[in-house]
C-alpha atoms as a PDB file:
ATOM      1  CA  MET A   1       0.232  -0.139   0.243  1.00  0.00           C
ATOM      2  CA  ALA A   2       2.296   2.787   1.429  1.00  0.00           C
ATOM      3  CA  ASP A   3       5.486   1.075   0.396  1.00  0.00           C
ATOM      4  CA  GLU A   4       3.700   0.445  -3.405  1.00  0.00           C
ATOM      5  CA  GLY A   5       3.045   3.742  -3.503  1.00  0.00           C
ATOM      6  CA  PHE A   6       6.628   5.204  -2.973  1.00  0.00           C
ATOM      7  CA  LYS A   7       7.887   3.251  -5.092  1.00  0.00           C
ATOM      8  CA  GLU A   8       5.845   4.332  -7.685  1.00  0.00           C
ATOM      9  CA  ALA A   9       6.374   8.046  -7.175  1.00  0.00           C
ATOM     10  CA  GLY A  10       9.845   7.633  -6.485  1.00  0.00           C
ATOM     11  CA  LEU A  11       9.364  10.291  -3.907  1.00  0.00           C
ATOM     12  CA  TRP A  12      10.684   8.940  -0.899  1.00  0.00           C
ATOM     13  CA  PRO A  13      13.207   6.128   0.987  1.00  0.00           C
ATOM     14  CA  ILE A  14      11.646   3.167   2.102  1.00  0.00           C
ATOM     15  CA  PRO A  15      12.245   4.204   5.674  1.00  0.00           C
ATOM     16  CA  LEU A  16      10.053   7.251   5.433  1.00  0.00           C
ATOM     17  CA  GLY A  17       7.207   4.982   4.202  1.00  0.00           C
ATOM     18  CA  GLN A  18       7.603   2.719   6.653  1.00  0.00           C
ATOM     19  CA  ILE A  19       7.233   5.468   9.420  1.00  0.00           C
ATOM     20  CA  PHE A  20       3.934   6.528   7.476  1.00  0.00           C
ATOM     21  CA  GLU A  21       2.864   2.715   8.395  1.00  0.00           C
ATOM     22  CA  GLU A  22       2.845   3.337  11.858  1.00  0.00           C
ATOM     23  CA  LEU A  23       0.934   6.391  12.394  1.00  0.00           C
ATOM     24  CA  ARG A  24      -2.737   6.084  13.461  1.00  0.00           C
ATOM     25  CA  GLU A  25      -3.611   8.981  11.212  1.00  0.00           C
ATOM     26  CA  GLY A  26      -4.643   8.260   7.354  1.00  0.00           C
ATOM     27  CA  VAL A  27      -2.250   9.623   4.884  1.00  0.00           C
ATOM     28  CA  VAL A  28      -3.214  10.420   1.508  1.00  0.00           C
ATOM     29  CA  LEU A  29      -0.886  11.851  -1.239  1.00  0.00           C
ATOM     30  CA  PHE A  30      -2.588  13.415  -4.409  1.00  0.00           C
ATOM     31  CA  SER A  31      -1.526  14.449  -7.264  1.00  0.00           C
ATOM     32  CA  ASN A  32      -2.468  17.792  -8.128  1.00  0.00           C
ATOM     33  CA  GLY A  33      -4.204  18.510 -11.375  1.00  0.00           C
ATOM     34  CA  SER A  34      -6.326  21.306 -13.049  1.00  0.00           C
ATOM     35  CA  ASP A  35      -9.393  19.366 -12.974  1.00  0.00           C
ATOM     36  CA  LEU A  36     -10.952  16.780 -10.246  1.00  0.00           C
ATOM     37  CA  SER A  37     -10.190  13.940 -12.662  1.00  0.00           C
ATOM     38  CA  GLN A  38      -6.349  14.701 -13.064  1.00  0.00           C
ATOM     39  CA  ILE A  39      -6.248  14.851  -8.993  1.00  0.00           C
ATOM     40  CA  GLN A  40      -4.966  11.054  -8.214  1.00  0.00           C
ATOM     41  CA  VAL A  41      -3.756   9.022  -5.500  1.00  0.00           C
ATOM     42  CA  VAL A  42      -0.060   9.068  -5.543  1.00  0.00           C
ATOM     43  CA  PHE A  43       0.363   6.814  -2.418  1.00  0.00           C
ATOM     44  CA  PHE A  44      -1.251   6.340   1.162  1.00  0.00           C
ATOM     45  CA  ASN A  45      -0.904   4.298   4.588  1.00  0.00           C
ATOM     46  CA  SER A  46      -2.793   1.495   6.100  1.00  0.00           C
ATOM     47  CA  ALA A  47      -4.534   3.621   8.229  1.00  0.00           C
ATOM     48  CA  ALA A  48      -5.965   5.823   5.680  1.00  0.00           C
ATOM     49  CA  LEU A  49      -7.841   2.357   4.686  1.00  0.00           C
ATOM     50  CA  ARG A  50      -8.737   1.510   7.884  1.00  0.00           C
ATOM     51  CA  ILE A  51     -10.290   4.743   8.627  1.00  0.00           C
ATOM     52  CA  LEU A  52     -11.999   5.342   5.553  1.00  0.00           C
ATOM     53  CA  GLY A  53     -13.549   1.553   4.823  1.00  0.00           C
ATOM     54  CA  GLU A  54     -16.408   0.798   2.430  1.00  0.00           C
ATOM     55  CA  ASP A  55     -16.792   4.342   1.529  1.00  0.00           C
ATOM     56  CA  SER A  56     -13.900   4.300  -0.433  1.00  0.00           C
ATOM     57  CA  ALA A  57     -12.181   2.875  -3.060  1.00  0.00           C
ATOM     58  CA  LEU A  58      -8.851   3.592  -2.335  1.00  0.00           C
ATOM     59  CA  SER A  59      -5.729   2.351  -4.297  1.00  0.00           C
ATOM     60  CA  SER A  60      -2.928   3.774  -6.399  1.00  0.00           C
ATOM     61  CA  ARG A  61      -3.592   6.120  -9.320  1.00  0.00           C
ATOM     62  CA  VAL A  62      -7.666   6.322  -8.117  1.00  0.00           C
ATOM     63  CA  PRO A  63      -8.864   9.776  -9.163  1.00  0.00           C
ATOM     64  CA  LEU A  64      -9.932  11.833  -5.875  1.00  0.00           C
ATOM     65  CA  PRO A  65     -13.827  11.485  -6.956  1.00  0.00           C
ATOM     66  CA  GLN A  66     -13.021   7.841  -5.840  1.00  0.00           C
ATOM     67  CA  VAL A  67     -11.865   8.544  -2.656  1.00  0.00           C
ATOM     68  CA  PHE A  68     -13.634  11.105  -0.876  1.00  0.00           C
ATOM     69  CA  ARG A  69     -16.971  10.959  -2.780  1.00  0.00           C
ATOM     70  CA  GLU A  70     -18.697  13.896  -1.100  1.00  0.00           C
ATOM     71  CA  PRO A  71     -18.575  17.067  -3.535  1.00  0.00           C
ATOM     72  CA  GLU A  72     -17.997  19.600  -1.142  1.00  0.00           C
ATOM     73  CA  CYS A  73     -15.086  17.557   0.358  1.00  0.00           C
ATOM     74  CA  MET A  74     -14.138  17.007  -2.938  1.00  0.00           C
ATOM     75  CA  LYS A  75     -13.797  20.794  -3.579  1.00  0.00           C
ATOM     76  CA  TRP A  76     -12.527  21.946  -0.245  1.00  0.00           C
ATOM     77  CA  ILE A  77      -9.874  19.231  -0.928  1.00  0.00           C
ATOM     78  CA  TRP A  78      -9.122  21.039  -4.524  1.00  0.00           C
ATOM     79  CA  SER A  79      -9.525  24.987  -3.735  1.00  0.00           C
ATOM     80  CA  GLY A  80     -10.996  24.940  -0.497  1.00  0.00           C
ATOM     81  CA  PRO A  81      -9.798  28.333   1.728  1.00  0.00           C
ATOM     82  CA  ASN A  82      -9.014  26.048   4.713  1.00  0.00           C
ATOM     83  CA  ASP A  83      -6.185  23.917   5.845  1.00  0.00           C
ATOM     84  CA  GLU A  84      -8.828  22.101   8.379  1.00  0.00           C
ATOM     85  CA  TYR A  85     -12.233  20.222   7.417  1.00  0.00           C
ATOM     86  CA  SER A  86     -14.758  17.668   9.292  1.00  0.00           C
ATOM     87  CA  LEU A  87     -16.245  15.351   7.011  1.00  0.00           C
ATOM     88  CA  GLU A  88     -19.416  13.427   8.574  1.00  0.00           C
ATOM     89  CA  ARG A  89     -20.420  10.306   7.053  1.00  0.00           C
ATOM     90  CA  LYS A  90     -23.375   8.210   8.393  1.00  0.00           C
ATOM     91  CA  TYR A  91     -21.602   6.320  10.829  1.00  0.00           C
ATOM     92  CA  ALA A  92     -18.126   8.286  11.664  1.00  0.00           C
ATOM     93  CA  LEU A  93     -17.164  11.746  11.947  1.00  0.00           C
ATOM     94  CA  LEU A  94     -13.432  12.711  10.326  1.00  0.00           C
ATOM     95  CA  SER A  95     -11.139  15.786  10.857  1.00  0.00           C
ATOM     96  CA  LEU A  96      -9.097  16.451   7.666  1.00  0.00           C
ATOM     97  CA  ARG A  97      -6.539  18.221   7.306  1.00  0.00           C
ATOM     98  CA  ARG A  98      -4.731  19.537   3.938  1.00  0.00           C
ATOM     99  CA  LYS A  99      -1.420  20.821   2.965  1.00  0.00           C
ATOM    100  CA  LEU A 100      -0.601  21.644  -0.553  1.00  0.00           C
ATOM    101  CA  ILE A 101       3.371  20.510  -1.353  1.00  0.00           C
ATOM    102  CA  ASP A 102       5.181  21.873  -4.900  1.00  0.00           C
ATOM    103  CA  SER A 103       8.449  19.518  -5.393  1.00  0.00           C
ATOM    104  CA  GLN A 104      10.389  20.735  -8.836  1.00  0.00           C
ATOM    105  CA  SER A 105       7.902  21.443 -11.182  1.00  0.00           C
ATOM    106  CA  GLU A 106       4.952  18.399  -9.177  1.00  0.00           C
ATOM    107  CA  SER A 107       2.381  19.677  -7.110  1.00  0.00           C
ATOM    108  CA  TYR A 108       0.878  17.539  -4.799  1.00  0.00           C
ATOM    109  CA  ILE A 109      -1.837  17.745  -1.784  1.00  0.00           C
ATOM    110  CA  LEU A 110      -1.322  16.142   1.121  1.00  0.00           C
ATOM    111  CA  ILE A 111      -4.170  14.984   3.225  1.00  0.00           C
ATOM    112  CA  THR A 112      -4.340  13.581   7.236  1.00  0.00           C
ATOM    113  CA  PHE A 113      -7.112  12.694   9.128  1.00  0.00           C
ATOM    114  CA  GLU A 114      -8.301  10.689  11.850  1.00  0.00           C
ATOM    115  CA  ASP A 115     -12.048   9.444  12.931  1.00  0.00           C
ATOM    116  CA  ILE A 116     -12.933  11.729  15.597  1.00  0.00           C
ATOM    117  CA  THR A 117     -16.032  10.163  16.136  1.00  0.00           C
ATOM    118  CA  ARG A 118     -15.740   8.697  19.655  1.00  0.00           C
ATOM    119  CA  ARG A 119     -14.001  11.847  21.042  1.00  0.00           C
ATOM    120  CA  VAL A 120     -17.180  14.048  19.938  1.00  0.00           C
ATOM    121  CA  ARG A 121     -19.344  11.728  21.542  1.00  0.00           C
ATOM    122  CA  LEU A 122     -17.878  11.562  24.818  1.00  0.00           C
ATOM    123  CA  GLU A 123     -17.525  15.209  24.929  1.00  0.00           C
ATOM    124  CA  GLU A 124     -21.393  15.574  24.158  1.00  0.00           C
ATOM    125  CA  THR A 125     -21.308  12.669  26.990  1.00  0.00           C
ATOM    126  CA  ARG A 126     -20.055  14.905  29.226  1.00  0.00           C
ATOM    127  CA  GLN A 127     -21.990  17.969  28.485  1.00  0.00           C
ATOM    128  CA  LYS A 128     -24.905  16.664  28.433  1.00  0.00           C
ATOM    129  CA  PHE A 129     -24.485  14.849  31.653  1.00  0.00           C
ATOM    130  CA  ILE A 130     -23.086  18.270  33.517  1.00  0.00           C
ATOM    131  CA  SER A 131     -26.436  19.903  32.274  1.00  0.00           C
ATOM    132  CA  ASN A 132     -28.518  17.232  33.474  1.00  0.00           C
ATOM    133  CA  MET A 133     -26.608  16.988  36.830  1.00  0.00           C
ATOM    134  CA  GLY A 134     -27.775  21.118  36.962  1.00  0.00           C
ATOM    135  CA  HIS A 135     -31.101  20.279  36.200  1.00  0.00           C
ATOM    136  CA  GLU A 136     -31.056  17.610  38.507  1.00  0.00           C
ATOM    137  CA  LEU A 137     -29.468  19.278  41.552  1.00  0.00           C
ATOM    138  CA  LYS A 138     -31.439  22.629  40.814  1.00  0.00           C
ATOM    139  CA  THR A 139     -34.969  21.225  41.860  1.00  0.00           C
ATOM    140  CA  PRO A 140     -34.250  20.284  45.304  1.00  0.00           C
ATOM    141  CA  ILE A 141     -32.213  23.510  45.907  1.00  0.00           C
ATOM    142  CA  THR A 142     -34.795  25.389  45.051  1.00  0.00           C
ATOM    143  CA  SER A 143     -37.148  23.435  46.769  1.00  0.00           C
ATOM    144  CA  MET A 144     -34.742  23.827  50.047  1.00  0.00           C
ATOM    145  CA  SER A 145     -34.518  27.461  49.396  1.00  0.00           C
ATOM    146  CA  LEU A 146     -38.423  28.399  49.712  1.00  0.00           C
ATOM    147  CA  ALA A 147     -38.740  26.249  52.283  1.00  0.00           C
ATOM    148  CA  LEU A 148     -36.037  28.205  54.567  1.00  0.00           C
ATOM    149  CA  GLU A 149     -37.641  31.558  53.269  1.00  0.00           C
ATOM    150  CA  ASN A 150     -40.773  30.696  54.572  1.00  0.00           C
ATOM    151  CA  LEU A 151     -39.155  29.127  58.153  1.00  0.00           C
ATOM    152  CA  GLN A 152     -37.146  32.615  58.522  1.00  0.00           C
ATOM    153  CA  ASP A 153     -40.563  34.653  57.666  1.00  0.00           C
ATOM    154  CA  GLY A 154     -41.703  32.980  61.161  1.00  0.00           C
ATOM    155  CA  GLY A 155     -44.895  30.958  59.803  1.00  0.00           C
ATOM    156  CA  GLU A 156     -45.436  28.624  62.326  1.00  0.00           C
ATOM    157  CA  ASP A 157     -48.439  27.329  61.708  1.00  0.00           C
ATOM    158  CA  LEU A 158     -46.543  25.877  58.101  1.00  0.00           C
ATOM    159  CA  PHE A 159     -43.315  24.760  60.035  1.00  0.00           C
ATOM    160  CA  ASP A 160     -43.773  21.032  59.627  1.00  0.00           C
ATOM    161  CA  GLN A 161     -45.211  21.177  56.184  1.00  0.00           C
ATOM    162  CA  ASN A 162     -41.769  23.554  55.516  1.00  0.00           C
ATOM    163  CA  MET A 163     -39.526  20.809  57.095  1.00  0.00           C
ATOM    164  CA  GLY A 164     -41.007  18.224  55.151  1.00  0.00           C
ATOM    165  CA  ILE A 165     -40.194  19.718  51.920  1.00  0.00           C
ATOM    166  CA  LEU A 166     -36.470  20.332  53.198  1.00  0.00           C
ATOM    167  CA  ASN A 167     -36.550  16.789  54.286  1.00  0.00           C
ATOM    168  CA  ARG A 168     -37.504  15.298  50.669  1.00  0.00           C
ATOM    169  CA  SER A 169     -34.820  17.491  48.839  1.00  0.00           C
ATOM    170  CA  ILE A 170     -32.230  16.516  51.103  1.00  0.00           C
ATOM    171  CA  GLU A 171     -32.952  12.716  50.768  1.00  0.00           C
ATOM    172  CA  ARG A 172     -33.576  13.260  46.741  1.00  0.00           C
ATOM    173  CA  MET A 173     -29.907  14.889  46.771  1.00  0.00           C
ATOM    174  CA  LYS A 174     -28.967  11.992  49.025  1.00  0.00           C
ATOM    175  CA  GLN A 175     -29.978   9.741  46.356  1.00  0.00           C
ATOM    176  CA  LEU A 176     -29.033  11.297  43.799  1.00  0.00           C
ATOM    177  CA  ILE A 177     -25.198  11.387  44.984  1.00  0.00           C
ATOM    178  CA  GLU A 178     -25.613   7.882  45.860  1.00  0.00           C
ATOM    179  CA  ASP A 179     -27.127   6.386  42.351  1.00  0.00           C
ATOM    180  CA  LEU A 180     -24.120   8.737  40.455  1.00  0.00           C
ATOM    181  CA  SER A 181     -21.306   6.843  43.053  1.00  0.00           C
ATOM    182  CA  ASP A 182     -23.250   3.112  42.166  1.00  0.00           C
ATOM    183  CA  LEU A 183     -23.293   3.905  38.348  1.00  0.00           C
ATOM    184  CA  SER A 184     -19.283   5.124  38.497  1.00  0.00           C
ATOM    185  CA  SER A 185     -18.164   1.995  40.702  1.00  0.00           C
ATOM    186  CA  ILE A 186     -20.020  -0.374  38.539  1.00  0.00           C
ATOM    187  CA  GLU A 187     -18.713   0.845  35.144  1.00  0.00           C
ATOM    188  CA  THR A 188     -15.320   1.419  36.231  1.00  0.00           C
ATOM    189  CA  ALA A 189     -15.205  -2.447  37.750  1.00  0.00           C
ATOM    190  CA  ALA A 190     -13.977  -4.980  34.966  1.00  0.00           C
ATOM    191  CA  THR A 191     -16.231  -7.275  36.479  1.00  0.00           C
ATOM    192  CA  LEU A 192     -18.628  -8.766  38.844  1.00  0.00           C
ATOM    193  CA  LYS A 193     -18.052 -11.610  41.401  1.00  0.00           C
ATOM    194  CA  LYS A 194     -20.476 -14.234  40.909  1.00  0.00           C
ATOM    195  CA  GLU A 195     -20.187 -16.358  43.787  1.00  0.00           C
ATOM    196  CA  ASP A 196     -23.431 -16.617  45.517  1.00  0.00           C
ATOM    197  CA  LEU A 197     -26.069 -20.322  44.668  1.00  0.00           C
ATOM    198  CA  LEU A 198     -29.317 -18.923  44.046  1.00  0.00           C
ATOM    199  CA  ASN A 199     -32.176 -20.458  45.542  1.00  0.00           C
ATOM    200  CA  LEU A 200     -35.097 -18.509  43.261  1.00  0.00           C
ATOM    201  CA  HIS A 201     -37.459 -19.653  45.757  1.00  0.00           C
ATOM    202  CA  GLU A 202     -36.072 -18.191  48.408  1.00  0.00           C
ATOM    203  CA  PHE A 203     -34.894 -15.068  46.769  1.00  0.00           C
ATOM    204  CA  THR A 204     -38.047 -14.363  44.923  1.00  0.00           C
ATOM    205  CA  SER A 205     -40.123 -14.434  48.223  1.00  0.00           C
ATOM    206  CA  GLU A 206     -37.130 -12.138  50.045  1.00  0.00           C
ATOM    207  CA  ILE A 207     -38.231 -10.041  47.048  1.00  0.00           C
ATOM    208  CA  LEU A 208     -42.241 -10.040  47.586  1.00  0.00           C
ATOM    209  CA  HIS A 209     -41.880  -9.282  51.447  1.00  0.00           C
ATOM    210  CA  ASP A 210     -39.667  -6.209  50.578  1.00  0.00           C
ATOM    211  CA  PHE A 211     -42.480  -4.909  48.247  1.00  0.00           C
ATOM    212  CA  SER A 212     -45.179  -5.752  50.691  1.00  0.00           C
ATOM    213  CA  GLY A 213     -45.438  -2.602  51.805  1.00  0.00           C
ATOM    214  CA  ARG A 214     -46.140  -0.354  48.357  1.00  0.00           C
ATOM    215  CA  THR A 215     -48.619  -2.891  47.554  1.00  0.00           C
ATOM    216  CA  LEU A 216     -50.575  -2.141  50.205  1.00  0.00           C
ATOM    217  CA  GLU A 217     -50.196   1.464  49.217  1.00  0.00           C
ATOM    218  CA  ARG A 218     -50.606   1.425  45.643  1.00  0.00           C
ATOM    219  CA  GLY A 219     -53.317  -1.134  45.426  1.00  0.00           C
ATOM    220  CA  VAL A 220     -51.219  -2.873  42.937  1.00  0.00           C
ATOM    221  CA  THR A 221     -50.381  -6.564  43.224  1.00  0.00           C
ATOM    222  CA  LEU A 222     -47.094  -8.214  42.910  1.00  0.00           C
ATOM    223  CA  ALA A 223     -47.136 -11.647  41.798  1.00  0.00           C
ATOM    224  CA  SER A 224     -44.262 -14.183  40.834  1.00  0.00           C
ATOM    225  CA  GLN A 225     -43.993 -16.801  38.144  1.00  0.00           C
ATOM    226  CA  ILE A 226     -41.116 -19.437  38.360  1.00  0.00           C
ATOM    227  CA  ASP A 227     -40.727 -21.837  34.968  1.00  0.00           C
ATOM    228  CA  PRO A 228     -40.652 -25.258  35.972  1.00  0.00           C
ATOM    229  CA  GLN A 229     -37.475 -25.634  33.631  1.00  0.00           C
ATOM    230  CA  MET A 230     -35.595 -23.686  36.561  1.00  0.00           C
ATOM    231  CA  GLU A 231     -35.917 -26.074  39.162  1.00  0.00           C
ATOM    232  CA  GLY A 232     -33.341 -28.050  39.842  1.00  0.00           C
ATOM    233  CA  ILE A 233     -31.262 -25.989  37.846  1.00  0.00           C
ATOM    234  CA  LEU A 234     -28.072 -24.025  40.308  1.00  0.00           C
ATOM    235  CA  VAL A 235     -27.521 -20.090  39.202  1.00  0.00           C
ATOM    236  CA  LYS A 236     -24.073 -19.030  39.603  1.00  0.00           C
ATOM    237  CA  THR A 237     -24.605 -14.930  40.247  1.00  0.00           C
ATOM    238  CA  ASN A 238     -23.773 -12.143  42.437  1.00  0.00           C
ATOM    239  CA  LYS A 239     -27.476 -11.964  44.810  1.00  0.00           C
ATOM    240  CA  LEU A 240     -26.941  -8.744  45.802  1.00  0.00           C
ATOM    241  CA  ARG A 241     -26.516  -6.862  42.198  1.00  0.00           C
ATOM    242  CA  LEU A 242     -29.383  -9.000  41.143  1.00  0.00           C
ATOM    243  CA  TYR A 243     -31.140  -8.145  43.954  1.00  0.00           C
ATOM    244  CA  GLN A 244     -30.799  -4.490  42.817  1.00  0.00           C
ATOM    245  CA  MET A 245     -31.487  -4.442  39.309  1.00  0.00           C
ATOM    246  CA  ILE A 246     -35.291  -6.604  40.150  1.00  0.00           C
ATOM    247  CA  HIS A 247     -35.492  -3.988  42.528  1.00  0.00           C
ATOM    248  CA  ASN A 248     -34.681  -1.246  40.286  1.00  0.00           C
ATOM    249  CA  LEU A 249     -37.025  -2.712  37.789  1.00  0.00           C
ATOM    250  CA  ILE A 250     -40.312  -3.546  40.150  1.00  0.00           C
ATOM    251  CA  SER A 251     -40.378  -0.089  41.685  1.00  0.00           C
ATOM    252  CA  ASN A 252     -40.327   1.391  38.236  1.00  0.00           C
ATOM    253  CA  ALA A 253     -43.152  -0.509  37.736  1.00  0.00           C
ATOM    254  CA  PHE A 254     -45.113   0.510  41.087  1.00  0.00           C
ATOM    255  CA  LYS A 255     -44.458   3.858  40.075  1.00  0.00           C
ATOM    256  CA  TYR A 256     -45.705   4.065  37.003  1.00  0.00           C
ATOM    257  CA  ALA A 257     -48.065   1.399  37.507  1.00  0.00           C
ATOM    258  CA  ASN A 258     -52.115   1.918  37.014  1.00  0.00           C
ATOM    259  CA  PRO A 259     -53.910   1.679  40.268  1.00  0.00           C
ATOM    260  CA  GLN A 260     -55.686  -1.633  41.765  1.00  0.00           C
ATOM    261  CA  SER A 261     -53.244  -3.359  38.364  1.00  0.00           C
ATOM    262  CA  LYS A 262     -50.545  -6.090  38.464  1.00  0.00           C
ATOM    263  CA  VAL A 263     -46.957  -6.785  38.240  1.00  0.00           C
ATOM    264  CA  LEU A 264     -45.556  -9.753  37.111  1.00  0.00           C
ATOM    265  CA  LEU A 265     -41.830 -10.599  37.953  1.00  0.00           C
ATOM    266  CA  SER A 266     -41.036 -14.150  35.777  1.00  0.00           C
ATOM    267  CA  PHE A 267     -38.543 -16.223  35.508  1.00  0.00           C
ATOM    268  CA  ASN A 268     -37.689 -18.211  32.789  1.00  0.00           C
ATOM    269  CA  LEU A 269     -35.127 -20.819  31.160  1.00  0.00           C
ATOM    270  CA  VAL A 270     -34.149 -19.724  27.827  1.00  0.00           C
ATOM    271  CA  GLU A 271     -31.603 -21.419  25.972  1.00  0.00           C
ATOM    272  CA  GLY A 272     -29.634 -21.495  28.534  1.00  0.00           C
ATOM    273  CA  ARG A 273     -30.258 -18.478  29.769  1.00  0.00           C
ATOM    274  CA  MET A 274     -31.850 -17.258  32.917  1.00  0.00           C
ATOM    275  CA  VAL A 275     -34.096 -14.820  31.737  1.00  0.00           C
ATOM    276  CA  ILE A 276     -36.064 -12.554  34.351  1.00  0.00           C
ATOM    277  CA  GLN A 277     -38.915 -10.584  33.114  1.00  0.00           C
ATOM    278  CA  VAL A 278     -40.795  -7.854  34.905  1.00  0.00           C
ATOM    279  CA  GLN A 279     -44.347  -6.988  33.286  1.00  0.00           C
ATOM    280  CA  ASP A 280     -46.726  -3.864  34.340  1.00  0.00           C
ATOM    281  CA  GLU A 281     -50.025  -3.039  33.412  1.00  0.00           C
ATOM    282  CA  GLY A 282     -48.815   0.745  32.851  1.00  0.00           C
ATOM    283  CA  PRO A 283     -49.379   3.607  30.426  1.00  0.00           C
ATOM    284  CA  GLY A 284     -47.103   1.836  28.101  1.00  0.00           C
ATOM    285  CA  ILE A 285     -44.113   4.387  26.611  1.00  0.00           C
ATOM    286  CA  ALA A 286     -43.430   5.417  23.356  1.00  0.00           C
ATOM    287  CA  ILE A 287     -41.077   4.444  20.463  1.00  0.00           C
ATOM    288  CA  VAL A 288     -39.402   7.066  20.583  1.00  0.00           C
ATOM    289  CA  GLU A 289     -38.957   6.991  24.053  1.00  0.00           C
ATOM    290  CA  GLN A 290     -37.381   3.757  24.175  1.00  0.00           C
ATOM    291  CA  GLU A 291     -34.547   4.350  22.739  1.00  0.00           C
ATOM    292  CA  LYS A 292     -33.470   6.804  25.322  1.00  0.00           C
ATOM    293  CA  ILE A 293     -34.847   4.700  28.291  1.00  0.00           C
ATOM    294  CA  PHE A 294     -31.978   3.473  29.754  1.00  0.00           C
ATOM    295  CA  GLU A 295     -29.434   6.636  29.114  1.00  0.00           C
ATOM    296  CA  ARG A 296     -28.654   8.611  32.688  1.00  0.00           C
ATOM    297  CA  PHE A 297     -31.226  11.104  34.030  1.00  0.00           C
ATOM    298  CA  TYR A 298     -33.701  10.516  30.959  1.00  0.00           C
ATOM    299  CA  ARG A 299     -37.264  10.466  32.248  1.00  0.00           C
ATOM    300  CA  THR A 300     -40.217   9.823  30.330  1.00  0.00           C
ATOM    301  CA  SER A 301     -43.108  12.119  29.978  1.00  0.00           C
ATOM    302  CA  SER A 302     -45.134  10.558  32.394  1.00  0.00           C
ATOM    303  CA  ALA A 303     -42.526  10.589  35.257  1.00  0.00           C
ATOM    304  CA  ARG A 304     -42.364  14.418  35.115  1.00  0.00           C
ATOM    305  CA  GLY A 305     -42.912  15.363  38.679  1.00  0.00           C
ATOM    306  CA  LEU A 306     -42.769  11.857  40.201  1.00  0.00           C
ATOM    307  CA  PRO A 307     -39.438  10.958  42.705  1.00  0.00           C
ATOM    308  CA  GLY A 308     -36.932   9.579  41.571  1.00  0.00           C
ATOM    309  CA  THR A 309     -33.003  10.155  40.010  1.00  0.00           C
ATOM    310  CA  GLY A 310     -33.417   9.087  36.420  1.00  0.00           C
ATOM    311  CA  LEU A 311     -30.409   6.617  36.871  1.00  0.00           C
ATOM    312  CA  GLY A 312     -31.722   3.276  37.775  1.00  0.00           C
ATOM    313  CA  LEU A 313     -32.385   1.759  34.503  1.00  0.00           C
ATOM    314  CA  SER A 314     -28.798   2.835  33.703  1.00  0.00           C
ATOM    315  CA  ILE A 315     -28.089   1.374  36.620  1.00  0.00           C
ATOM    316  CA  VAL A 316     -29.352  -1.946  35.819  1.00  0.00           C
ATOM    317  CA  LYS A 317     -28.239  -1.373  31.978  1.00  0.00           C
ATOM    318  CA  GLN A 318     -24.544  -1.428  33.109  1.00  0.00           C
ATOM    319  CA  LEU A 319     -25.336  -4.121  36.007  1.00  0.00           C
ATOM    320  CA  ALA A 320     -26.423  -6.634  33.378  1.00  0.00           C
ATOM    321  CA  LYS A 321     -23.265  -5.928  30.961  1.00  0.00           C
ATOM    322  CA  LYS A 322     -21.077  -6.366  33.912  1.00  0.00           C
ATOM    323  CA  LEU A 323     -22.761  -9.727  34.621  1.00  0.00           C
ATOM    324  CA  GLY A 324     -23.017 -10.585  30.884  1.00  0.00           C
ATOM    325  CA  GLY A 325     -26.262  -9.997  30.337  1.00  0.00           C
ATOM    326  CA  THR A 326     -28.851  -7.821  28.730  1.00  0.00           C
ATOM    327  CA  ILE A 327     -31.729  -5.916  29.472  1.00  0.00           C
ATOM    328  CA  SER A 328     -34.174  -4.640  26.892  1.00  0.00           C
ATOM    329  CA  LEU A 329     -37.586  -2.967  26.488  1.00  0.00           C
ATOM    330  CA  LYS A 330     -40.911  -3.923  24.966  1.00  0.00           C
ATOM    331  CA  SER A 331     -43.899  -1.418  25.589  1.00  0.00           C
ATOM    332  CA  GLU A 332     -46.524   0.593  23.469  1.00  0.00           C
ATOM    333  CA  LEU A 333     -48.929   3.419  24.846  1.00  0.00           C
ATOM    334  CA  GLY A 334     -51.604   2.365  26.034  1.00  0.00           C
ATOM    335  CA  GLY A 335     -50.526  -0.980  26.726  1.00  0.00           C
ATOM    336  CA  SER A 336     -47.725  -2.987  29.208  1.00  0.00           C
ATOM    337  CA  SER A 337     -44.400  -2.679  29.729  1.00  0.00           C
ATOM    338  CA  VAL A 338     -42.070  -5.540  29.662  1.00  0.00           C
ATOM    339  CA  PHE A 339     -38.294  -5.261  30.643  1.00  0.00           C
ATOM    340  CA  THR A 340     -36.235  -8.405  30.429  1.00  0.00           C
ATOM    341  CA  LEU A 341     -33.053  -9.391  32.037  1.00  0.00           C
ATOM    342  CA  SER A 342     -31.035 -11.619  29.741  1.00  0.00           C
ATOM    343  CA  LEU A 343     -28.411 -14.063  32.396  1.00  0.00           C
ATOM    344  CA  PRO A 344     -25.924 -16.414  31.861  1.00  0.00           C
ATOM    345  CA  LEU A 345     -26.458 -18.995  34.441  1.00  0.00           C
ATOM    346  CA  ALA A 346     -22.973 -18.845  35.969  1.00  0.00           C
END
């Protein structure tokens, strides 16, 4: 590739070609010409092939339009006023730089480029995180500020009410910080230890017992179902983290379920994996919102005004990944929502 180009052009010694091959950035040298068809590849390195992929027919002596097919990009390479250019493709964002080289009677165009897709997405995620954090902290802080003003005004008849607002706001901030800390520790962990042998019947009984108080409070029935095929199968997992995932899913179901409705927790054996489902009879989730449901801080339109940090499902997703599993959602507006956890048996 690069060596082939070097030999044909006779421009650089072989050691320089080897240096170009070691670069992580793509390098393509074009011969300059009076029109696009005369601008042809003189040499290129392996990184250029890797970065451009199937969107380019990169090889020696092919014309510019077969390498960079986008009209605006071709125009920039040939005669653009700036030395840098951002090329957005379907699945990638490339940062290109151009250098005109005159060598005796010949003229060349040197293009170097790199894939900055991941860098840009990380920056977008960082900015979104900061924005969401500011929003999530603003609500309890505003409530606390108003409650303190009321207390300072000496309204003794509203003392208990304002103290209640302060306590709830503090609890919300504590929960937000705890969820963020937990999510961070999960994401930075390479894997999660799976040292617990799970007795499904005992495990399910614990969950039902822990939610019994909320069942009476909301009038929502929590039921469980265990696939007979799971009987006698030893599941080796991280019991604490598995409980946390199921607890988050059931808590969400209770939060949005219609009064006097039912939430079903089921365990099934599917293709050698344990499949856990939490199904509610709530208002359902729109398709456009399902795509974002596992993002940090994302809350559906029906969740506005309800308590929560918007991190519960993000934690479930990360835990499932660390345990070698997946989490998915099937829902429709006006119908039930089914969250499905698929986990290995060991």
